[in-house]
Protein backbone atom coordinates (compact mmCIF):
# COMPACT_ATOMS: atom_id res chain seq x y z
CA UNK A 1 -15.97 -25.47 -18.46
CA UNK A 2 -14.42 -28.85 -18.73
CA UNK A 3 -13.25 -30.63 -15.66
CA UNK A 4 -9.60 -31.42 -15.58
CA UNK A 5 -10.31 -35.22 -15.24
CA UNK A 6 -12.16 -35.37 -18.46
CA UNK A 7 -9.60 -33.38 -20.42
CA UNK A 8 -6.71 -35.65 -19.11
CA UNK A 9 -8.74 -38.74 -19.85
CA UNK A 10 -9.28 -37.59 -23.54
CA UNK A 11 -5.52 -36.95 -24.05
CA UNK A 12 -4.67 -40.43 -22.61
CA UNK A 13 -7.26 -42.05 -24.98
CA UNK A 14 -6.08 -39.97 -27.93
CA UNK A 15 -2.47 -41.01 -27.17
CA UNK A 16 -3.45 -44.72 -27.22
CA UNK A 17 -5.35 -44.53 -30.42
CA UNK A 18 -3.09 -42.32 -32.44
CA UNK A 19 0.32 -43.25 -31.03
CA UNK A 20 -0.23 -46.68 -29.96
CA UNK A 21 0.56 -45.92 -26.40
CA UNK A 22 -0.27 -48.34 -23.57
CA UNK A 23 -3.15 -47.00 -21.56
CA UNK A 24 -1.57 -47.63 -18.14
CA UNK A 25 1.60 -45.87 -19.03
CA UNK A 26 0.02 -42.97 -20.85
CA UNK A 27 -2.41 -42.45 -17.78
CA UNK A 28 0.50 -42.33 -15.37
CA UNK A 29 2.50 -39.81 -17.50
CA UNK A 30 -0.65 -37.55 -18.25
CA UNK A 31 -1.66 -37.57 -14.46
CA UNK A 32 2.04 -36.48 -13.65
CA UNK A 33 1.91 -33.66 -16.37
CA UNK A 34 -1.46 -32.30 -15.30
CA UNK A 35 -1.00 -32.58 -11.50
CA UNK A 36 -4.75 -33.45 -10.93
CA UNK A 37 -6.22 -33.44 -7.62
CA UNK A 38 -6.79 -36.98 -6.04
CA UNK A 39 -10.41 -36.84 -6.81
CA UNK A 40 -9.96 -35.82 -10.45
CA UNK A 41 -7.08 -38.25 -10.86
CA UNK A 42 -9.49 -40.97 -9.68
CA UNK A 43 -12.30 -39.98 -12.21
CA UNK A 44 -9.68 -39.74 -14.95
CA UNK A 45 -8.36 -43.20 -14.31
CA UNK A 46 -11.99 -44.58 -14.14
CA UNK A 47 -12.91 -43.11 -17.36
CA UNK A 48 -9.83 -44.31 -19.19
CA UNK A 49 -10.03 -47.85 -17.78
CA UNK A 50 -13.80 -47.81 -18.20
CA UNK A 51 -13.67 -47.05 -21.92
CA UNK A 52 -10.82 -49.45 -22.62
CA UNK A 53 -12.76 -52.21 -20.74
CA UNK A 54 -16.12 -51.70 -22.46
CA UNK A 55 -15.19 -50.31 -25.93
CA UNK A 56 -16.77 -52.76 -28.13
CA UNK A 57 -20.09 -52.53 -26.02
CA UNK A 58 -19.95 -48.84 -26.11
CA UNK A 59 -19.46 -48.80 -29.89
CA UNK A 60 -22.39 -51.31 -30.24
CA UNK A 61 -24.78 -48.93 -28.33
CA UNK A 62 -23.52 -45.77 -29.72
CA UNK A 63 -23.95 -47.32 -33.18
CA UNK A 64 -27.73 -47.54 -32.62
CA UNK A 65 -27.88 -43.76 -32.52
CA UNK A 66 -25.28 -42.69 -34.89
CA UNK A 67 -25.37 -43.09 -38.78
CA UNK A 68 -21.50 -43.54 -38.76
CA UNK A 69 -19.43 -46.40 -37.54
CA UNK A 70 -17.82 -45.18 -34.27
CA UNK A 71 -14.45 -46.82 -34.97
CA UNK A 72 -14.35 -44.96 -38.27
CA UNK A 73 -14.86 -41.52 -36.83
CA UNK A 74 -11.84 -39.28 -36.84
CA UNK A 75 -9.94 -38.69 -33.51
CA UNK A 76 -10.90 -37.45 -31.10
CA UNK A 77 -14.57 -37.96 -31.80
CA UNK A 78 -14.79 -41.66 -31.24
CA UNK A 79 -12.96 -41.09 -27.85
CA UNK A 80 -15.34 -38.26 -26.85
CA UNK A 81 -18.42 -40.28 -27.76
CA UNK A 82 -17.05 -43.36 -25.83
CA UNK A 83 -16.19 -41.27 -22.80
CA UNK A 84 -19.73 -39.82 -22.76
CA UNK A 85 -21.35 -43.08 -23.22
CA UNK A 86 -19.20 -44.69 -20.48
CA UNK A 87 -20.34 -41.99 -17.93
CA UNK A 88 -24.00 -42.26 -19.02
CA UNK A 89 -24.30 -46.15 -18.84
CA UNK A 90 -21.92 -46.99 -16.03
CA UNK A 91 -21.15 -43.89 -13.76
CA UNK A 92 -24.35 -43.42 -11.54
CA UNK A 93 -22.87 -40.48 -9.67
CA UNK A 94 -22.34 -38.54 -12.91
CA UNK A 95 -25.45 -36.83 -14.20
CA UNK A 96 -26.24 -37.61 -17.76
CA UNK A 97 -26.49 -33.92 -18.48
CA UNK A 98 -23.03 -33.43 -17.24
CA UNK A 99 -21.65 -36.19 -19.21
CA UNK A 100 -23.29 -34.71 -22.43
CA UNK A 101 -22.40 -31.15 -21.93
CA UNK A 102 -18.69 -31.86 -21.26
CA UNK A 103 -18.44 -34.09 -24.32
CA UNK A 104 -19.87 -31.34 -26.39
CA UNK A 105 -17.34 -28.87 -24.95
CA UNK A 106 -14.52 -31.31 -25.52
CA UNK A 107 -15.67 -31.65 -29.23
CA UNK A 108 -15.49 -27.79 -29.49
CA UNK A 109 -12.18 -27.45 -27.79
CA UNK A 110 -10.71 -30.16 -29.97
CA UNK A 111 -11.20 -28.19 -33.04
CA UNK A 112 -14.26 -30.27 -34.01
CA UNK A 113 -16.91 -27.46 -33.33
CA UNK A 114 -19.11 -28.80 -36.20
CA UNK A 115 -18.98 -32.11 -34.80
CA UNK A 116 -20.34 -30.82 -31.51
CA UNK A 117 -23.94 -31.17 -32.80
CA UNK A 118 -23.17 -34.93 -33.58
CA UNK A 119 -21.85 -35.49 -30.33
CA UNK A 120 -24.78 -33.72 -28.47
CA UNK A 121 -27.43 -35.54 -30.51
CA UNK A 122 -25.93 -39.05 -30.06
CA UNK A 123 -25.35 -38.90 -26.49
CA UNK A 124 -28.75 -37.29 -25.66
CA UNK A 125 -30.42 -40.15 -27.66
CA UNK A 126 -28.32 -42.69 -25.69
CA UNK A 127 -29.39 -41.14 -22.31
CA UNK A 128 -33.27 -41.04 -23.33
CA UNK A 129 -32.92 -44.68 -24.31
CA UNK A 130 -30.61 -46.12 -21.82
CA UNK A 131 -33.44 -47.92 -20.11
CA UNK A 132 -34.40 -49.78 -23.45
CA UNK A 133 -31.07 -50.39 -25.10
CA UNK A 134 -31.03 -52.43 -28.23
CA UNK A 135 -30.32 -56.25 -27.39
CA UNK A 136 -27.07 -57.69 -27.97
CA UNK A 137 -27.19 -60.09 -30.95
CA UNK A 138 -27.14 -63.65 -30.24
CA UNK A 139 -26.23 -64.88 -33.65
CA UNK A 140 -23.22 -66.95 -32.11
CA UNK A 141 -22.03 -67.42 -28.66
CA UNK A 142 -18.69 -65.94 -29.39
CA UNK A 143 -20.21 -62.78 -30.90
CA UNK A 144 -22.63 -62.29 -28.08
CA UNK A 145 -19.81 -62.78 -25.46
CA UNK A 146 -17.35 -60.55 -27.45
CA UNK A 147 -19.77 -57.60 -27.51
CA UNK A 148 -21.07 -57.92 -23.96
CA UNK A 149 -17.72 -58.08 -22.43
CA UNK A 150 -15.64 -56.28 -25.24
CA UNK A 151 -13.16 -58.85 -25.85
CA UNK A 152 -12.23 -59.70 -29.55
CA UNK A 153 -14.01 -62.56 -31.03
CA UNK A 154 -10.82 -64.55 -31.77
CA UNK A 155 -9.96 -64.51 -28.03
CA UNK A 156 -13.55 -65.46 -26.95
CA UNK A 157 -13.58 -68.48 -29.28
CA UNK A 158 -10.22 -69.59 -27.65
CA UNK A 159 -11.56 -69.38 -24.13
CA UNK A 160 -14.68 -71.09 -25.05
CA UNK A 161 -12.64 -73.93 -26.35
CA UNK A 162 -10.48 -74.01 -23.29
CA UNK A 163 -12.99 -73.45 -20.65
CA UNK A 164 -16.46 -73.93 -21.88
CA UNK A 165 -19.22 -71.36 -21.83
CA UNK A 166 -19.79 -70.72 -18.10
CA UNK A 167 -16.22 -70.39 -16.99
CA UNK A 168 -15.10 -68.47 -20.17
CA UNK A 169 -17.82 -65.93 -19.31
CA UNK A 170 -16.57 -65.69 -15.72
CA UNK A 171 -13.05 -64.85 -17.16
CA UNK A 172 -14.33 -62.18 -19.41
CA UNK A 173 -16.37 -60.75 -16.64
CA UNK A 174 -13.57 -60.84 -14.31
CA UNK A 175 -11.36 -58.85 -16.68
CA UNK A 176 -13.72 -56.01 -16.54
CA UNK A 177 -13.69 -55.68 -12.71
CA UNK A 178 -11.47 -53.59 -10.60
CA UNK A 179 -8.84 -55.93 -9.18
CA UNK A 180 -7.70 -55.47 -5.64
CA UNK A 181 -4.40 -53.73 -4.91
CA UNK A 182 -2.01 -56.30 -3.45
CA UNK A 183 1.30 -55.59 -1.83
CA UNK A 184 4.10 -57.92 -0.49
CA UNK A 185 5.28 -57.04 3.01
CA UNK A 186 9.23 -56.43 3.06
CA UNK A 187 10.19 -58.55 5.97
CA UNK A 188 13.64 -56.70 6.34
CA UNK A 189 11.75 -53.62 7.07
CA UNK A 190 8.59 -54.48 8.88
CA UNK A 191 6.03 -57.09 9.68
CA UNK A 192 2.44 -57.54 8.23
CA UNK A 193 0.94 -56.47 11.54
CA UNK A 194 2.99 -53.41 11.88
CA UNK A 195 2.41 -52.34 8.23
CA UNK A 196 -1.28 -52.88 8.70
CA UNK A 197 -1.36 -50.77 11.87
CA UNK A 198 0.48 -47.88 10.15
CA UNK A 199 -1.62 -47.87 6.91
CA UNK A 200 -4.80 -48.25 9.03
CA UNK A 201 -3.86 -45.22 10.98
CA UNK A 202 -3.70 -43.27 7.80
CA UNK A 203 -7.33 -44.29 6.90
CA UNK A 204 -6.13 -46.95 4.44
CA UNK A 205 -7.86 -50.29 4.49
CA UNK A 206 -5.42 -53.06 4.78
CA UNK A 207 -6.24 -56.80 5.23
CA UNK A 208 -4.20 -60.05 4.79
CA UNK A 209 -4.54 -61.71 1.39
CA UNK A 210 -7.13 -64.55 1.68
CA UNK A 211 -4.58 -67.17 0.79
CA UNK A 212 -1.04 -65.84 -0.22
CA UNK A 213 1.31 -65.51 2.63
CA UNK A 214 3.05 -62.20 3.40
CA UNK A 215 0.74 -60.14 1.07
CA UNK A 216 -1.99 -57.53 2.00
CA UNK A 217 -4.75 -56.16 -0.08
CA UNK A 218 -5.15 -52.42 0.25
CA UNK A 219 -7.84 -49.83 -0.72
CA UNK A 220 -8.14 -46.17 -0.38
CA UNK A 221 -4.48 -45.42 -0.74
CA UNK A 222 -4.64 -42.55 -3.00
CA UNK A 223 -1.16 -41.98 -4.59
CA UNK A 224 0.47 -45.14 -3.34
CA UNK A 225 4.06 -43.84 -4.06
CA UNK A 226 3.46 -40.83 -1.76
CA UNK A 227 2.97 -42.94 1.35
CA UNK A 228 5.80 -42.96 3.79
CA UNK A 229 5.56 -46.76 4.10
CA UNK A 230 6.16 -47.00 0.36
CA UNK A 231 9.00 -44.53 0.36
CA UNK A 232 10.55 -46.35 3.36
CA UNK A 233 10.51 -49.67 1.40
CA UNK A 234 8.20 -51.41 3.64
CA UNK A 235 6.24 -53.11 0.82
CA UNK A 236 6.50 -54.25 -2.81
CA UNK A 237 3.46 -53.74 -5.10
CA UNK A 238 3.09 -57.30 -6.36
CA UNK A 239 0.12 -59.46 -7.69
CA UNK A 240 -0.23 -62.68 -5.60
CA UNK A 241 0.49 -64.77 -8.87
CA UNK A 242 3.89 -63.09 -9.31
CA UNK A 243 4.58 -63.86 -5.57
CA UNK A 244 3.70 -67.46 -6.10
CA UNK A 245 6.52 -67.82 -8.68
CA UNK A 246 9.01 -67.22 -5.96
CA UNK A 247 7.27 -69.60 -3.80
CA UNK A 248 7.44 -72.27 -6.50
CA UNK A 249 11.03 -71.60 -7.05
CA UNK A 250 11.81 -72.14 -3.42
CA UNK A 251 14.93 -70.00 -3.25
CA UNK A 252 16.78 -69.84 -0.11
CA UNK A 253 19.43 -67.65 1.56
CA UNK A 254 22.89 -67.84 0.24
CA UNK A 255 21.95 -69.17 -3.17
CA UNK A 256 22.84 -67.82 -6.51
CA UNK A 257 19.80 -66.80 -8.66
CA UNK A 258 19.44 -65.49 -12.35
CA UNK A 259 16.44 -63.66 -13.26
CA UNK A 260 16.66 -63.61 -17.08
CA UNK A 261 13.86 -61.12 -17.95
CA UNK A 262 13.69 -59.28 -14.70
CA UNK A 263 12.37 -55.76 -15.49
CA UNK A 264 10.66 -54.13 -13.59
CA UNK A 265 12.13 -56.46 -10.90
CA UNK A 266 9.21 -57.69 -8.90
CA UNK A 267 10.29 -61.28 -8.94
CA UNK A 268 13.94 -60.45 -8.13
CA UNK A 269 12.71 -58.33 -5.20
CA UNK A 270 10.45 -61.21 -3.95
CA UNK A 271 13.31 -63.67 -4.29
CA UNK A 272 15.63 -61.35 -2.27
CA UNK A 273 12.94 -61.28 0.46
CA UNK A 274 12.95 -64.97 0.63
CA UNK A 275 16.72 -65.10 0.49
CA UNK A 276 16.91 -62.72 3.44
CA UNK A 277 19.08 -60.50 1.28
CA UNK A 278 21.91 -63.18 1.48
CA UNK A 279 23.51 -64.58 -1.55
CA UNK A 280 23.31 -63.23 -5.13
CA UNK A 281 20.64 -62.30 -7.55
CA UNK A 282 21.50 -61.32 -11.20
CA UNK A 283 18.70 -59.30 -12.71
CA UNK A 284 18.92 -59.03 -16.42
CA UNK A 285 16.82 -57.35 -19.15
CA UNK A 286 17.17 -56.82 -22.90
CA UNK A 287 16.63 -53.11 -22.33
CA UNK A 288 19.45 -51.22 -20.39
CA UNK A 289 17.19 -48.38 -19.67
CA UNK A 290 14.79 -50.63 -17.72
CA UNK A 291 17.53 -51.69 -15.32
CA UNK A 292 17.42 -48.26 -13.62
CA UNK A 293 13.93 -49.18 -12.27
CA UNK A 294 15.31 -52.33 -10.69
CA UNK A 295 18.20 -50.42 -9.17
CA UNK A 296 15.73 -47.81 -7.86
CA UNK A 297 13.57 -50.39 -6.40
CA UNK A 298 16.41 -52.37 -4.86
CA UNK A 299 17.68 -49.12 -2.95
CA UNK A 300 14.08 -48.30 -1.87
CA UNK A 301 13.55 -51.86 -0.29
CA UNK A 302 17.06 -51.92 1.13
CA UNK A 303 18.20 -54.99 -0.80
CA UNK A 304 22.01 -55.22 -1.40
CA UNK A 305 22.07 -58.76 -3.09
CA UNK A 306 20.69 -57.66 -6.45
CA UNK A 307 23.02 -56.82 -9.30
CA UNK A 308 21.82 -55.75 -12.78
CA UNK A 309 23.14 -56.44 -16.30
CA UNK A 310 21.67 -55.81 -19.80
CA UNK A 311 21.31 -59.07 -21.66
CA UNK A 312 19.39 -60.63 -24.43
CA UNK A 313 17.95 -63.72 -22.90
CA UNK A 314 18.48 -65.65 -26.26
CA UNK A 315 22.26 -64.85 -26.24
CA UNK A 316 24.59 -67.31 -24.53
CA UNK A 317 27.02 -65.94 -21.87
CA UNK A 318 29.79 -68.50 -21.29
CA UNK A 319 30.68 -67.10 -17.83
CA UNK A 320 27.16 -68.03 -16.64
CA UNK A 321 27.20 -71.56 -17.73
CA UNK A 322 26.04 -73.97 -14.96
CA UNK A 323 26.60 -71.27 -12.48
CA UNK A 324 23.25 -70.69 -10.76
CA UNK A 325 21.29 -72.56 -8.14
CA UNK A 326 18.02 -71.35 -9.67
CA UNK A 327 17.07 -69.62 -12.99
CA UNK A 328 13.80 -67.61 -13.36
CA UNK A 329 12.52 -67.20 -16.81
CA UNK A 330 9.47 -64.70 -16.84
CA UNK A 331 9.23 -64.94 -20.68
CA UNK A 332 7.73 -62.16 -22.83
CA UNK A 333 4.21 -63.21 -23.68
CA UNK A 334 0.94 -61.99 -25.02
CA UNK A 335 -0.22 -60.72 -21.55
CA UNK A 336 -3.75 -62.04 -21.74
CA UNK A 337 -3.65 -63.02 -18.18
CA UNK A 338 -3.46 -59.41 -17.03
CA UNK A 339 -6.25 -57.81 -19.11
CA UNK A 340 -7.87 -56.73 -15.96
CA UNK A 341 -4.88 -54.44 -15.25
CA UNK A 342 -4.03 -53.61 -18.69
CA UNK A 343 -7.27 -53.61 -20.53
CA UNK A 344 -5.95 -52.54 -23.89
CA UNK A 345 -3.92 -55.89 -24.08
CA UNK A 346 -7.19 -57.53 -25.43
CA UNK A 347 -6.98 -55.42 -28.65
CA UNK A 348 -3.56 -56.74 -29.61
CA UNK A 349 -3.22 -58.06 -33.13
CA UNK A 350 -3.34 -61.73 -32.67
CA UNK A 351 -1.10 -62.24 -35.83
CA UNK A 352 1.63 -60.52 -33.94
CA UNK A 353 1.32 -63.30 -31.13
CA UNK A 354 2.14 -66.12 -33.46
CA UNK A 355 5.83 -65.86 -33.12
CA UNK A 356 5.93 -65.56 -29.30
CA UNK A 357 6.54 -69.30 -28.63
CA UNK A 358 9.63 -69.19 -30.90
CA UNK A 359 11.00 -66.36 -28.79
CA UNK A 360 9.81 -68.02 -25.60
CA UNK A 361 11.48 -71.42 -26.49
CA UNK A 362 14.82 -69.70 -27.44
CA UNK A 363 14.95 -67.96 -24.17
CA UNK A 364 14.09 -71.00 -22.22
CA UNK A 365 16.75 -73.23 -24.03
CA UNK A 366 19.34 -70.55 -23.50
CA UNK A 367 18.55 -70.07 -19.78
CA UNK A 368 18.67 -73.85 -19.07
CA UNK A 369 22.42 -73.69 -19.81
CA UNK A 370 22.86 -71.55 -16.74
CA UNK A 371 21.39 -73.88 -14.20
CA UNK A 372 24.02 -75.84 -12.32
CA UNK A 373 23.68 -79.63 -12.01
CA UNK A 374 20.78 -80.31 -9.53
CA UNK A 375 19.47 -76.66 -9.87
CA UNK A 376 16.12 -75.37 -10.69
CA UNK A 377 14.74 -73.89 -13.76
CA UNK A 378 11.36 -71.96 -13.32
CA UNK A 379 9.56 -70.69 -16.35
CA UNK A 380 6.58 -68.50 -15.87
CA UNK A 381 4.30 -66.03 -18.25
CA UNK A 382 1.33 -63.80 -17.44
CA UNK A 383 -0.81 -65.41 -20.11
CA UNK A 384 -3.24 -68.33 -20.23
CA UNK A 385 -2.63 -69.78 -23.67
CA UNK A 386 -1.39 -73.34 -23.91
CA UNK A 387 0.81 -72.56 -26.78
CA UNK A 388 2.88 -70.14 -24.64
CA UNK A 389 2.76 -72.23 -21.65
CA UNK A 390 2.30 -75.98 -21.45
CA UNK A 391 3.47 -76.55 -25.18
CA UNK A 392 6.66 -74.50 -24.64
CA UNK A 393 7.71 -76.49 -21.65
CA UNK A 394 6.63 -79.83 -23.03
CA UNK A 395 8.68 -79.35 -26.14
CA UNK A 396 11.67 -78.16 -24.21
CA UNK A 397 11.61 -81.27 -21.85
CA UNK A 398 11.36 -83.46 -24.82
CA UNK A 399 14.44 -82.09 -26.24
CA UNK A 400 16.37 -81.77 -22.89
CA UNK A 401 16.27 -85.19 -20.99
CA UNK A 402 18.51 -83.71 -18.42
CA UNK A 403 15.63 -81.62 -17.10
CA UNK A 404 12.32 -82.88 -15.74
CA UNK A 405 9.11 -81.26 -14.14
CA UNK A 406 9.22 -81.44 -10.30
CA UNK A 407 6.13 -81.36 -8.18
CA UNK A 408 5.65 -78.37 -5.86
CA UNK A 409 2.97 -77.25 -3.57
CA UNK A 410 1.39 -73.85 -3.13
CA UNK A 411 -1.07 -72.69 -0.69
CA UNK A 412 -4.75 -73.70 -1.13
CA UNK A 413 -6.80 -73.35 -3.25
CA UNK A 414 -3.99 -74.33 -5.57
CA UNK A 415 -2.28 -76.95 -3.46
CA UNK A 416 0.03 -79.61 -4.79
CA UNK A 417 0.96 -79.60 -8.35
CA UNK A 418 2.74 -82.12 -10.55
CA UNK A 419 5.25 -79.64 -11.90
CA UNK A 420 3.20 -76.82 -13.43
CA UNK A 421 0.02 -74.75 -12.90
CA UNK A 422 -2.10 -72.25 -14.58
CA UNK A 423 -3.65 -69.61 -12.36
CA UNK A 424 -6.89 -68.09 -13.47
CA UNK A 425 -8.59 -64.72 -12.30
CA UNK A 426 -12.00 -66.31 -12.15
CA UNK A 427 -10.58 -69.31 -9.97
CA UNK A 428 -7.84 -67.98 -7.93
CA UNK A 429 -8.56 -64.12 -8.00
CA UNK A 430 -5.01 -63.54 -9.21
CA UNK A 431 -3.67 -62.41 -12.57
CA UNK A 432 -3.87 -65.21 -15.15
CA UNK A 433 -0.34 -66.92 -14.90
CA UNK A 434 1.44 -70.04 -15.70
CA UNK A 435 4.26 -71.51 -13.51
CA UNK A 436 6.47 -74.56 -14.46
CA UNK A 437 9.08 -75.78 -12.14
CA UNK A 438 11.98 -77.99 -13.73
CA UNK A 439 14.83 -79.87 -12.03
CA UNK A 440 18.16 -80.38 -13.76
CA UNK A 441 19.68 -83.81 -12.97
CA UNK A 442 22.50 -83.74 -10.34
């Protein structure tokens, strides 16, 4: 008999491979459909993320015991083998025999009965030899790190050039760790102390974030959305890096703020907290269907200053010209700073990323026209590549002398910046993020 967790995990991984689905979205949808127990949901999530985080390494070890290339196997055999290998090599509480037997049953139920023998043989060999696995080849530094941490070689090479060996490896390692769950307290509904006390009474661990004000780190939450505190709008799920964008913008009560690429709304909500829900925030997104998430979030959090509108960030709206005190541009990007939360981001086709700076520049230039004289323009991404970050802003400033970088300070360990900063998971224990603050001449 197959446990529900493994059946659900296989369906998620198949959806990712055959339909191009994102693991996080596919996992959430599958868990909702399958109505798993909290324990099975946790195991399903761990297997899905674990396979995604370690796919190249799993394929390397499986390849030592299989005559066929794992990535060339027909779905769902590759997924079944990776699931089994992940449990054998990484999940100490799962007996190897259980991992093997359930993988064999999954192969049978998936209409691959003849392949069940292959699955059985390969995984049993892996189990017998897991104490003496073949060494990872060290032909090049990039190749060794690519296999060990399951990041594509092109990305490893870029990181080595940017950071050097020691810190590049720390970045890769951090991407394969489970990040802490961080929430921002809604000051209109509660305080950090009261929220901590309420969550603690439910058996949830809650502690102040080590250095980002107004944030808590939680563990043991189970289904977060089922908590009364969530439903009552007492907190916003928000990575500390995204919270720091609002701090860098320094928005104040009564201001008029434009969030150009707002969905799913986190920065708009955080800005509304800072503005004490006084003033106006116009939250825009290219996709009208995403605006409902912002509206639902604003209602849950009790925020009335947020309005939404479908808008392409590259298209000029004359009625917005020079109309906003602050304009936030969280530009579409490669997402390479949030691999630890979206592990399949690492497998993006790098060729598709080449045109991103063109889009980012077009959005930034258009958004700049909405900043009033003396107002602020804040550009941010969730990536760490200079061509999407510093280079975009440097080129923009060279063409727009009315704008200049303005120094700002964030809590330590970031401290004072000269106008822009890149946050790194291995340095700051946040998502990888870039923030640039620019002031328009009065």
